[in-house]
Amino acid sequence: MTNTTIALGGRDYALRPLTLGQLRVVLPAFARAAKLNAADGIDAAIDILAAALARDHASLTRDALLELEVLPADLAAAVARIAELSGLVPKEGDGTGESPADR
C-alpha cells in the first residue's frame, strides 16, 4: 500500500494506509453513507475524514473539520481517495480489473 494525499480547504494532507483501528470507524461510516440522505451522508463523510486523518493530523478533529471551507466536490474526492486507501475500491489507473481482495 502507498500513501496518498487529499485536499481540504485549500490545503493538502498526506495519508498513510489506514490502521485496523481506523478501518473500524471508516468501514461502517462508508456503509452509512451509501444509504443516507445528503445531510447524513455529509456526517458520514466527516466521520470518514476524521478517522483517516486522526493518526497524522490530530488537530483535524471532527469539530475542526466542520469549520473548514470545503467544496462538495473536494469532500467527495477526499472520501474517494480514502476508499482507495482503505482497499474498498481499486486505485485509479489500476488496470488489473481485480478487486483488492483478489490480490
C-alpha atoms as a PDB file:
ATOM      1  CA  MET A   1       0.000   0.000   0.000  1.00  0.00           C
ATOM      2  CA  THR A   2       1.135   3.511  -0.670  1.00  0.00           C
ATOM      3  CA  ASN A   3       0.475   6.898   0.821  1.00  0.00           C
ATOM      4  CA  THR A   4      -1.996   9.315  -0.735  1.00  0.00           C
ATOM      5  CA  THR A   5      -2.870  12.983  -0.467  1.00  0.00           C
ATOM      6  CA  ILE A   6      -6.247  14.637  -0.062  1.00  0.00           C
ATOM      7  CA  ALA A   7      -7.098  18.322  -0.465  1.00  0.00           C
ATOM      8  CA  LEU A   8      -9.362  20.043   2.052  1.00  0.00           C
ATOM      9  CA  GLY A   9      -9.927  23.743   2.496  1.00  0.00           C
ATOM     10  CA  GLY A  10      -7.139  24.676   0.096  1.00  0.00           C
ATOM     11  CA  ARG A  11      -4.516  22.538   1.842  1.00  0.00           C
ATOM     12  CA  ASP A  12      -3.092  19.098   1.063  1.00  0.00           C
ATOM     13  CA  TYR A  13      -2.943  16.394   3.717  1.00  0.00           C
ATOM     14  CA  ALA A  14      -0.847  13.243   3.391  1.00  0.00           C
ATOM     15  CA  LEU A  15      -2.419   9.977   4.491  1.00  0.00           C
ATOM     16  CA  ARG A  16      -0.785   6.645   5.148  1.00  0.00           C
ATOM     17  CA  PRO A  17      -2.562   3.318   4.768  1.00  0.00           C
ATOM     18  CA  LEU A  18      -5.181   3.012   7.467  1.00  0.00           C
ATOM     19  CA  THR A  19      -4.691   1.049  10.645  1.00  0.00           C
ATOM     20  CA  LEU A  20      -7.178  -1.585  11.745  1.00  0.00           C
ATOM     21  CA  GLY A  21      -8.453   0.863  14.338  1.00  0.00           C
ATOM     22  CA  GLN A  22      -9.096   3.484  11.667  1.00  0.00           C
ATOM     23  CA  LEU A  23     -10.805   0.889   9.473  1.00  0.00           C
ATOM     24  CA  ARG A  24     -13.155   0.041  12.375  1.00  0.00           C
ATOM     25  CA  VAL A  25     -14.509   3.589  12.110  1.00  0.00           C
ATOM     26  CA  VAL A  26     -14.208   4.127   8.358  1.00  0.00           C
ATOM     27  CA  LEU A  27     -15.905   0.970   7.096  1.00  0.00           C
ATOM     28  CA  PRO A  28     -19.193   1.445   8.995  1.00  0.00           C
ATOM     29  CA  ALA A  29     -19.198   5.124   8.001  1.00  0.00           C
ATOM     30  CA  PHE A  30     -18.929   4.137   4.327  1.00  0.00           C
ATOM     31  CA  ALA A  31     -21.844   1.738   4.808  1.00  0.00           C
ATOM     32  CA  ARG A  32     -23.900   4.543   6.417  1.00  0.00           C
ATOM     33  CA  ALA A  33     -23.002   6.996   3.645  1.00  0.00           C
ATOM     34  CA  ALA A  34     -24.194   4.590   0.972  1.00  0.00           C
ATOM     35  CA  LYS A  35     -27.778   4.596   2.193  1.00  0.00           C
ATOM     36  CA  LEU A  36     -28.377   8.013   3.710  1.00  0.00           C
ATOM     37  CA  ASN A  37     -29.765  11.342   2.590  1.00  0.00           C
ATOM     38  CA  ALA A  38     -27.424  14.241   1.765  1.00  0.00           C
ATOM     39  CA  ALA A  39     -27.109  15.708   5.275  1.00  0.00           C
ATOM     40  CA  ASP A  40     -26.489  12.336   6.906  1.00  0.00           C
ATOM     41  CA  GLY A  41     -24.094  11.478   4.081  1.00  0.00           C
ATOM     42  CA  ILE A  42     -22.042  14.565   4.905  1.00  0.00           C
ATOM     43  CA  ASP A  43     -21.904  13.480   8.551  1.00  0.00           C
ATOM     44  CA  ALA A  44     -20.682  10.051   7.475  1.00  0.00           C
ATOM     45  CA  ALA A  45     -18.084  11.689   5.193  1.00  0.00           C
ATOM     46  CA  ILE A  46     -16.858  13.799   8.112  1.00  0.00           C
ATOM     47  CA  ASP A  47     -16.557  10.661  10.257  1.00  0.00           C
ATOM     48  CA  ILE A  48     -14.526   9.045   7.459  1.00  0.00           C
ATOM     49  CA  LEU A  49     -12.240  12.069   7.166  1.00  0.00           C
ATOM     50  CA  ALA A  50     -11.763  12.418  10.916  1.00  0.00           C
ATOM     51  CA  ALA A  51     -10.832   8.757  11.304  1.00  0.00           C
ATOM     52  CA  ALA A  52      -8.465   8.746   8.331  1.00  0.00           C
ATOM     53  CA  LEU A  53      -6.732  11.970   9.415  1.00  0.00           C
ATOM     54  CA  ALA A  54      -6.522  11.184  13.146  1.00  0.00           C
ATOM     55  CA  ARG A  55      -3.121   9.481  13.148  1.00  0.00           C
ATOM     56  CA  ASP A  56      -1.124  12.075  11.206  1.00  0.00           C
ATOM     57  CA  HIS A  57      -3.226  15.220  11.632  1.00  0.00           C
ATOM     58  CA  ALA A  58      -4.553  15.064  15.188  1.00  0.00           C
ATOM     59  CA  SER A  59      -5.652  18.704  15.146  1.00  0.00           C
ATOM     60  CA  LEU A  60      -8.217  17.910  12.435  1.00  0.00           C
ATOM     61  CA  THR A  61     -10.850  16.617  14.785  1.00  0.00           C
ATOM     62  CA  ARG A  62     -14.455  16.234  13.716  1.00  0.00           C
ATOM     63  CA  ASP A  63     -15.198  19.706  15.110  1.00  0.00           C
ATOM     64  CA  ALA A  64     -12.221  21.220  13.275  1.00  0.00           C
ATOM     65  CA  LEU A  65     -13.361  19.610  10.021  1.00  0.00           C
ATOM     66  CA  LEU A  66     -16.794  21.170  10.443  1.00  0.00           C
ATOM     67  CA  GLU A  67     -15.145  24.598  10.395  1.00  0.00           C
ATOM     68  CA  LEU A  68     -13.261  24.029   7.103  1.00  0.00           C
ATOM     69  CA  GLU A  69     -14.495  25.646   3.915  1.00  0.00           C
ATOM     70  CA  VAL A  70     -14.698  22.605   1.632  1.00  0.00           C
ATOM     71  CA  LEU A  71     -16.495  22.338  -1.682  1.00  0.00           C
ATOM     72  CA  PRO A  72     -18.772  19.302  -2.057  1.00  0.00           C
ATOM     73  CA  ALA A  73     -16.608  18.070  -4.958  1.00  0.00           C
ATOM     74  CA  ASP A  74     -13.484  18.260  -2.780  1.00  0.00           C
ATOM     75  CA  LEU A  75     -15.256  16.378   0.006  1.00  0.00           C
ATOM     76  CA  ALA A  76     -16.319  13.659  -2.430  1.00  0.00           C
ATOM     77  CA  ALA A  77     -12.785  13.432  -3.892  1.00  0.00           C
ATOM     78  CA  ALA A  78     -11.234  13.120  -0.419  1.00  0.00           C
ATOM     79  CA  VAL A  79     -13.654  10.359   0.586  1.00  0.00           C
ATOM     80  CA  ALA A  80     -12.976   8.551  -2.707  1.00  0.00           C
ATOM     81  CA  ARG A  81      -9.209   8.674  -2.037  1.00  0.00           C
ATOM     82  CA  ILE A  82      -9.790   7.255   1.440  1.00  0.00           C
ATOM     83  CA  ALA A  83     -11.933   4.477  -0.070  1.00  0.00           C
ATOM     84  CA  GLU A  84      -8.988   3.605  -2.328  1.00  0.00           C
ATOM     85  CA  LEU A  85      -6.515   3.769   0.555  1.00  0.00           C
ATOM     86  CA  SER A  86      -8.702   1.523   2.703  1.00  0.00           C
ATOM     87  CA  GLY A  87      -8.998  -1.061  -0.085  1.00  0.00           C
ATOM     88  CA  LEU A  88     -12.731  -0.590  -0.632  1.00  0.00           C
ATOM     89  CA  VAL A  89     -12.266   0.286  -4.313  1.00  0.00           C
ATOM     90  CA  PRO A  90      -9.385  -0.258  -6.727  1.00  0.00           C
ATOM     91  CA  LYS A  91      -6.980   2.652  -7.055  1.00  0.00           C
ATOM     92  CA  GLU A  92      -7.442   4.913 -10.078  1.00  0.00           C
ATOM     93  CA  GLY A  93      -5.434   3.672 -13.015  1.00  0.00           C
ATOM     94  CA  ASP A  94      -5.223   0.156 -11.595  1.00  0.00           C
ATOM     95  CA  GLY A  95      -5.877  -1.742 -14.797  1.00  0.00           C
ATOM     96  CA  THR A  96      -5.879  -5.189 -13.245  1.00  0.00           C
ATOM     97  CA  GLY A  97      -9.639  -5.428 -13.170  1.00  0.00           C
ATOM     98  CA  GLU A  98      -9.349  -7.380  -9.938  1.00  0.00           C
ATOM     99  CA  SER A  99     -10.909  -6.392  -6.665  1.00  0.00           C
ATOM    100  CA  PRO A 100      -8.444  -5.705  -3.825  1.00  0.00           C
ATOM    101  CA  ALA A 101      -9.437  -8.996  -2.143  1.00  0.00           C
ATOM    102  CA  ASP A 102      -8.287 -10.910  -5.232  1.00  0.00           C
ATOM    103  CA  ARG A 103      -4.676  -9.790  -4.918  1.00  0.00           C
END
